[in-house]
């Protein structure tokens, strides 16, 4: 008989020597219920958050309840979330603070172990950019650049804190003489821009955590009208990601009270540079006209 997710087993560090928490979860993935699978996948994809956030904060970011997080911890064989978090921290330390790099080269720590709050935040951003660079798919990046270059019109949807990044991406694309608009609020003008979505439009949805309904609406409308869609998000379970044909994920883990958007900014600037590099000679004169170099 197949074991259920409620079967109590010893946690990974007790039952499997040095097996990591991520590997332990993946090995037992088929045993979990549907809600537990969502939590499991989020933990594997966002290990840093598990290592540094409370159960309540983790539950909010994973779009579930704190009680589900606690029950999932117990299903893995831990007494509760603090024990699971301790295992996540051990894996995090082994992954990011190993004395040697992937090729045996010595890696100097960014800061000393007794970091203050300022240093801890910067160190977290450093890890976010590196983690994003390691996990982002080159084929997805190239597909996104192809879509931007080939679109007659680019519509960027991002509200609240994402509105700034939507505006900045629009600015970078317009410097290259590409037609780009943003949808940042449910205003009449923004809704009219949604109404002009067609198969020649590329819709880029930006989201952090739970996406705004307006961004979801833009992605659904684009899908209905057979427009190309790109999601740039920090959550693999995001509805925006599920609706998009191309997905770029970034890491937003932060010890602070707000998410880190350093990796998101890096992705946006890298995409714009990728478009520029397609025909640098053509764009160079235009860039010089703006006296940016």
Protein backbone atom coordinates (compact mmCIF):
# COMPACT_ATOMS: atom_id res chain seq x y z
CA UNK A 1 0.00 0.00 0.00
CA UNK A 2 1.27 3.47 -0.84
CA UNK A 3 2.33 5.49 2.17
CA UNK A 4 0.44 8.66 2.89
CA UNK A 5 1.98 12.07 3.53
CA UNK A 6 1.03 11.79 7.19
CA UNK A 7 3.38 8.84 7.75
CA UNK A 8 5.93 9.98 10.29
CA UNK A 9 9.52 9.55 9.18
CA UNK A 10 12.78 10.79 10.63
CA UNK A 11 13.85 14.16 9.24
CA UNK A 12 16.55 14.15 6.55
CA UNK A 13 19.52 14.89 8.78
CA UNK A 14 18.61 11.94 11.01
CA UNK A 15 17.46 9.39 8.46
CA UNK A 16 19.73 10.09 5.53
CA UNK A 17 23.04 11.35 6.86
CA UNK A 18 23.92 14.46 4.88
CA UNK A 19 20.97 14.40 2.51
CA UNK A 20 19.66 17.93 2.03
CA UNK A 21 16.17 19.07 2.90
CA UNK A 22 15.45 19.81 -0.77
CA UNK A 23 16.48 16.30 -1.86
CA UNK A 24 14.46 14.75 0.97
CA UNK A 25 11.33 16.67 -0.03
CA UNK A 26 11.75 15.78 -3.70
CA UNK A 27 12.19 12.11 -2.85
CA UNK A 28 8.87 12.07 -1.00
CA UNK A 29 7.00 14.45 -3.30
CA UNK A 30 4.51 11.87 -4.63
CA UNK A 31 3.33 11.11 -1.08
CA UNK A 32 2.04 14.60 -0.42
CA UNK A 33 -1.48 15.91 -0.79
CA UNK A 34 -2.21 18.61 -3.35
CA UNK A 35 -1.84 21.47 -0.85
CA UNK A 36 1.30 19.91 0.59
CA UNK A 37 2.80 19.61 -2.88
CA UNK A 38 2.35 23.36 -3.34
CA UNK A 39 4.21 23.99 -0.08
CA UNK A 40 6.87 21.43 -0.97
CA UNK A 41 7.55 22.95 -4.38
CA UNK A 42 7.71 26.45 -2.92
CA UNK A 43 10.21 25.38 -0.27
CA UNK A 44 12.45 23.71 -2.85
CA UNK A 45 12.30 26.76 -5.13
CA UNK A 46 12.71 29.33 -2.33
CA UNK A 47 15.04 27.73 0.19
CA UNK A 48 16.34 31.10 1.40
CA UNK A 49 12.86 32.19 2.46
CA UNK A 50 12.41 29.03 4.53
CA UNK A 51 15.76 29.65 6.20
CA UNK A 52 14.99 33.22 7.26
CA UNK A 53 11.21 33.83 7.30
CA UNK A 54 8.59 32.92 9.87
CA UNK A 55 5.97 30.28 9.15
CA UNK A 56 3.37 33.04 8.78
CA UNK A 57 5.48 34.97 6.26
CA UNK A 58 6.30 31.81 4.32
CA UNK A 59 2.62 30.87 4.21
CA UNK A 60 1.69 34.32 2.90
CA UNK A 61 4.26 34.14 0.12
CA UNK A 62 3.26 30.59 -0.81
CA UNK A 63 -0.45 31.51 -0.86
CA UNK A 64 -1.36 29.06 1.89
CA UNK A 65 -1.97 29.03 5.65
CA UNK A 66 0.59 28.85 8.45
CA UNK A 67 -1.18 25.75 9.78
CA UNK A 68 -0.58 24.02 6.43
CA UNK A 69 3.12 24.88 6.69
CA UNK A 70 3.27 23.46 10.22
CA UNK A 71 1.42 20.27 9.24
CA UNK A 72 3.72 19.83 6.27
CA UNK A 73 6.73 20.15 8.59
CA UNK A 74 5.28 17.43 10.81
CA UNK A 75 4.55 15.22 7.79
CA UNK A 76 8.28 15.34 7.02
CA UNK A 77 9.09 14.07 10.49
CA UNK A 78 9.89 17.37 12.20
CA UNK A 79 8.25 18.44 15.45
CA UNK A 80 7.25 21.72 13.83
CA UNK A 81 8.37 24.49 11.51
CA UNK A 82 11.38 25.65 13.63
CA UNK A 83 13.01 22.23 13.16
CA UNK A 84 12.35 22.28 9.41
CA UNK A 85 13.77 25.80 9.28
CA UNK A 86 16.92 24.65 11.06
CA UNK A 87 17.41 21.96 8.41
CA UNK A 88 16.87 24.59 5.69
CA UNK A 89 19.51 26.82 7.27
CA UNK A 90 22.00 23.96 7.34
CA UNK A 91 21.46 23.35 3.63
CA UNK A 92 21.66 27.08 2.94
CA UNK A 93 25.00 27.36 4.75
CA UNK A 94 26.44 24.37 2.91
CA UNK A 95 25.26 25.75 -0.41
CA UNK A 96 26.37 29.36 -0.07
CA UNK A 97 29.13 29.44 2.52
CA UNK A 98 31.22 26.46 1.44
CA UNK A 99 34.96 27.10 1.83
CA UNK A 100 35.57 26.26 -1.83
CA UNK A 101 33.80 27.26 -5.00
CA UNK A 102 32.50 24.84 -7.68
CA UNK A 103 35.99 24.47 -9.23
CA UNK A 104 37.94 24.29 -5.99
CA UNK A 105 38.72 28.01 -5.94
CA UNK A 106 38.76 29.78 -2.62
CA UNK A 107 35.65 31.87 -2.04
CA UNK A 108 35.99 34.78 0.35
CA UNK A 109 32.82 35.57 2.37
CA UNK A 110 31.19 38.84 1.40
CA UNK A 111 31.01 39.89 5.05
CA UNK A 112 32.12 38.47 8.37
CA UNK A 113 29.79 36.15 10.29
CA UNK A 114 28.78 38.91 12.72
CA UNK A 115 26.92 40.90 10.10
CA UNK A 116 24.88 43.95 11.02
CA UNK A 117 21.47 44.57 9.45
CA UNK A 118 22.91 46.63 6.59
CA UNK A 119 25.44 43.95 5.65
CA UNK A 120 22.89 41.17 5.99
CA UNK A 121 20.55 42.91 3.53
CA UNK A 122 23.32 43.45 0.98
CA UNK A 123 24.56 39.88 1.38
CA UNK A 124 21.03 38.66 0.73
CA UNK A 125 20.82 40.74 -2.46
CA UNK A 126 24.15 39.31 -3.57
CA UNK A 127 22.82 35.78 -3.11
CA UNK A 128 19.56 36.67 -4.91
CA UNK A 129 21.37 37.85 -8.03
CA UNK A 130 23.64 34.80 -8.06
CA UNK A 131 20.74 32.42 -7.46
CA UNK A 132 18.72 34.03 -10.25
CA UNK A 133 21.64 33.88 -12.67
CA UNK A 134 22.16 30.17 -11.93
CA UNK A 135 18.52 29.19 -12.33
CA UNK A 136 17.31 31.35 -15.19
CA UNK A 137 16.96 29.46 -18.46
CA UNK A 138 19.06 30.75 -21.34
CA UNK A 139 16.47 29.52 -23.83
CA UNK A 140 13.72 31.44 -22.00
CA UNK A 141 15.87 34.59 -21.98
CA UNK A 142 16.53 34.29 -25.71
CA UNK A 143 12.84 33.62 -26.35
CA UNK A 144 11.94 36.76 -24.39
CA UNK A 145 14.42 38.90 -26.34
CA UNK A 146 13.10 37.44 -29.62
CA UNK A 147 9.56 38.26 -28.56
CA UNK A 148 10.46 41.86 -27.66
CA UNK A 149 12.32 42.43 -30.93
CA UNK A 150 9.58 40.84 -33.01
CA UNK A 151 6.56 42.49 -31.38
CA UNK A 152 4.81 45.41 -33.02
CA UNK A 153 3.90 46.64 -29.55
CA UNK A 154 4.99 45.72 -26.02
CA UNK A 155 2.55 46.10 -23.13
CA UNK A 156 4.06 45.85 -19.64
CA UNK A 157 1.66 45.16 -16.76
CA UNK A 158 2.79 45.87 -13.21
CA UNK A 159 1.00 47.52 -10.32
CA UNK A 160 1.93 48.84 -6.88
CA UNK A 161 5.63 48.16 -6.26
CA UNK A 162 5.91 46.56 -9.70
CA UNK A 163 4.74 49.78 -11.39
CA UNK A 164 8.21 51.29 -11.02
CA UNK A 165 9.86 48.33 -12.74
CA UNK A 166 7.22 48.34 -15.50
CA UNK A 167 7.92 52.02 -16.10
CA UNK A 168 11.68 51.47 -16.08
CA UNK A 169 11.48 48.59 -18.59
CA UNK A 170 9.30 50.78 -20.81
CA UNK A 171 11.89 53.55 -20.56
CA UNK A 172 14.72 51.22 -21.58
CA UNK A 173 12.77 49.88 -24.57
CA UNK A 174 11.70 53.32 -25.74
CA UNK A 175 15.37 54.40 -25.74
CA UNK A 176 15.77 51.72 -28.40
CA UNK A 177 12.83 53.18 -30.32
CA UNK A 178 10.55 50.26 -29.50
CA UNK A 179 6.86 50.91 -28.99
CA UNK A 180 6.03 50.15 -25.36
CA UNK A 181 3.16 50.99 -23.00
CA UNK A 182 2.45 50.17 -19.37
CA UNK A 183 -0.62 49.21 -17.37
CA UNK A 184 -0.02 50.21 -13.77
CA UNK A 185 -3.49 51.05 -12.46
CA UNK A 186 -7.14 50.33 -13.33
CA UNK A 187 -7.56 53.78 -14.93
CA UNK A 188 -9.66 54.31 -18.03
CA UNK A 189 -6.53 54.93 -20.08
CA UNK A 190 -4.90 51.72 -18.85
CA UNK A 191 -8.02 49.68 -19.57
CA UNK A 192 -8.15 51.09 -23.08
CA UNK A 193 -4.57 49.86 -23.58
CA UNK A 194 -5.71 46.39 -22.56
CA UNK A 195 -8.47 46.65 -25.13
CA UNK A 196 -5.88 47.11 -27.89
CA UNK A 197 -4.12 43.80 -27.20
CA UNK A 198 -3.95 41.65 -30.33
CA UNK A 199 -1.85 38.81 -31.76
CA UNK A 200 0.92 41.27 -32.64
CA UNK A 201 1.27 42.47 -29.04
CA UNK A 202 3.71 41.13 -26.48
CA UNK A 203 2.35 41.32 -22.93
CA UNK A 204 4.90 41.22 -20.10
CA UNK A 205 3.47 40.66 -16.61
CA UNK A 206 5.50 41.61 -13.54
CA UNK A 207 4.58 40.23 -10.14
CA UNK A 208 5.99 39.68 -6.67
CA UNK A 209 4.19 37.14 -4.51
CA UNK A 210 0.44 37.17 -5.12
CA UNK A 211 -0.16 39.02 -8.41
CA UNK A 212 -2.53 41.97 -8.67
CA UNK A 213 -5.88 41.11 -10.34
CA UNK A 214 -5.20 43.70 -13.05
CA UNK A 215 -2.00 41.92 -14.10
CA UNK A 216 -3.81 38.57 -14.12
CA UNK A 217 -6.55 40.13 -16.23
CA UNK A 218 -3.99 41.43 -18.73
CA UNK A 219 -2.41 37.98 -19.04
CA UNK A 220 -5.77 36.25 -19.46
CA UNK A 221 -6.85 38.73 -22.12
CA UNK A 222 -3.56 38.30 -23.95
CA UNK A 223 -3.94 34.54 -23.89
CA UNK A 224 -7.50 34.81 -25.21
CA UNK A 225 -6.39 37.06 -28.07
CA UNK A 226 -3.39 34.84 -28.92
CA UNK A 227 -0.80 37.44 -27.96
CA UNK A 228 2.64 36.35 -26.79
CA UNK A 229 3.08 36.52 -23.04
CA UNK A 230 6.06 36.72 -20.68
CA UNK A 231 5.92 36.47 -16.89
CA UNK A 232 8.71 37.88 -14.73
CA UNK A 233 7.93 36.72 -11.21
CA UNK A 234 9.49 35.53 -7.96
CA UNK A 235 6.94 32.76 -7.34
CA UNK A 236 6.74 29.52 -9.34
CA UNK A 237 3.13 29.10 -8.21
CA UNK A 238 2.10 32.58 -9.36
CA UNK A 239 -1.03 32.72 -11.49
CA UNK A 240 0.78 35.10 -13.82
CA UNK A 241 3.43 32.45 -14.43
CA UNK A 242 0.79 29.81 -15.13
CA UNK A 243 -0.82 32.05 -17.77
CA UNK A 244 2.41 32.98 -19.56
CA UNK A 245 4.06 31.18 -22.46
CA UNK A 246 7.55 32.31 -21.33
CA UNK A 247 8.56 32.51 -17.66
CA UNK A 248 11.53 34.19 -16.02
CA UNK A 249 11.91 33.64 -12.28
CA UNK A 250 13.96 35.78 -9.94
CA UNK A 251 14.89 35.37 -6.28
CA UNK A 252 13.48 37.99 -3.88
CA UNK A 253 14.52 36.61 -0.51
CA UNK A 254 15.25 39.26 2.09
CA UNK A 255 15.78 39.44 5.86
CA UNK A 256 14.05 42.83 5.80
CA UNK A 257 10.34 43.59 6.04
CA UNK A 258 10.06 43.95 2.23
CA UNK A 259 11.04 41.72 -0.67
CA UNK A 260 14.31 42.24 -2.47
CA UNK A 261 13.97 43.42 -6.08
CA UNK A 262 17.67 43.58 -6.88
CA UNK A 263 17.54 40.46 -9.08
CA UNK A 264 14.41 41.76 -10.84
CA UNK A 265 16.23 44.97 -11.73
CA UNK A 266 19.14 42.91 -13.06
CA UNK A 267 16.82 40.85 -15.27
CA UNK A 268 15.15 43.96 -16.70
CA UNK A 269 18.45 45.65 -17.52
CA UNK A 270 19.91 42.44 -18.94
CA UNK A 271 16.90 41.94 -21.23
CA UNK A 272 17.19 45.50 -22.52
CA UNK A 273 20.90 44.98 -23.15
CA UNK A 274 20.10 41.73 -24.95
CA UNK A 275 17.78 43.63 -27.30
CA UNK A 276 20.43 46.33 -27.80
CA UNK A 277 23.10 43.72 -28.59
CA UNK A 278 21.00 42.33 -31.45
CA UNK A 279 21.93 45.41 -33.50
CA UNK A 280 24.31 47.54 -31.48
CA UNK A 281 25.36 49.65 -34.46
CA UNK A 282 21.76 50.63 -35.17
CA UNK A 283 21.02 51.55 -31.58
CA UNK A 284 24.34 53.20 -30.79
CA UNK A 285 23.60 56.49 -32.50
CA UNK A 286 20.19 56.71 -30.90
CA UNK A 287 21.66 56.07 -27.44
CA UNK A 288 24.31 58.71 -28.02
CA UNK A 289 21.59 61.18 -28.87
CA UNK A 290 20.29 60.81 -25.33
CA UNK A 291 23.84 61.35 -24.01
CA UNK A 292 23.74 58.25 -21.90
CA UNK A 293 27.32 57.32 -22.73
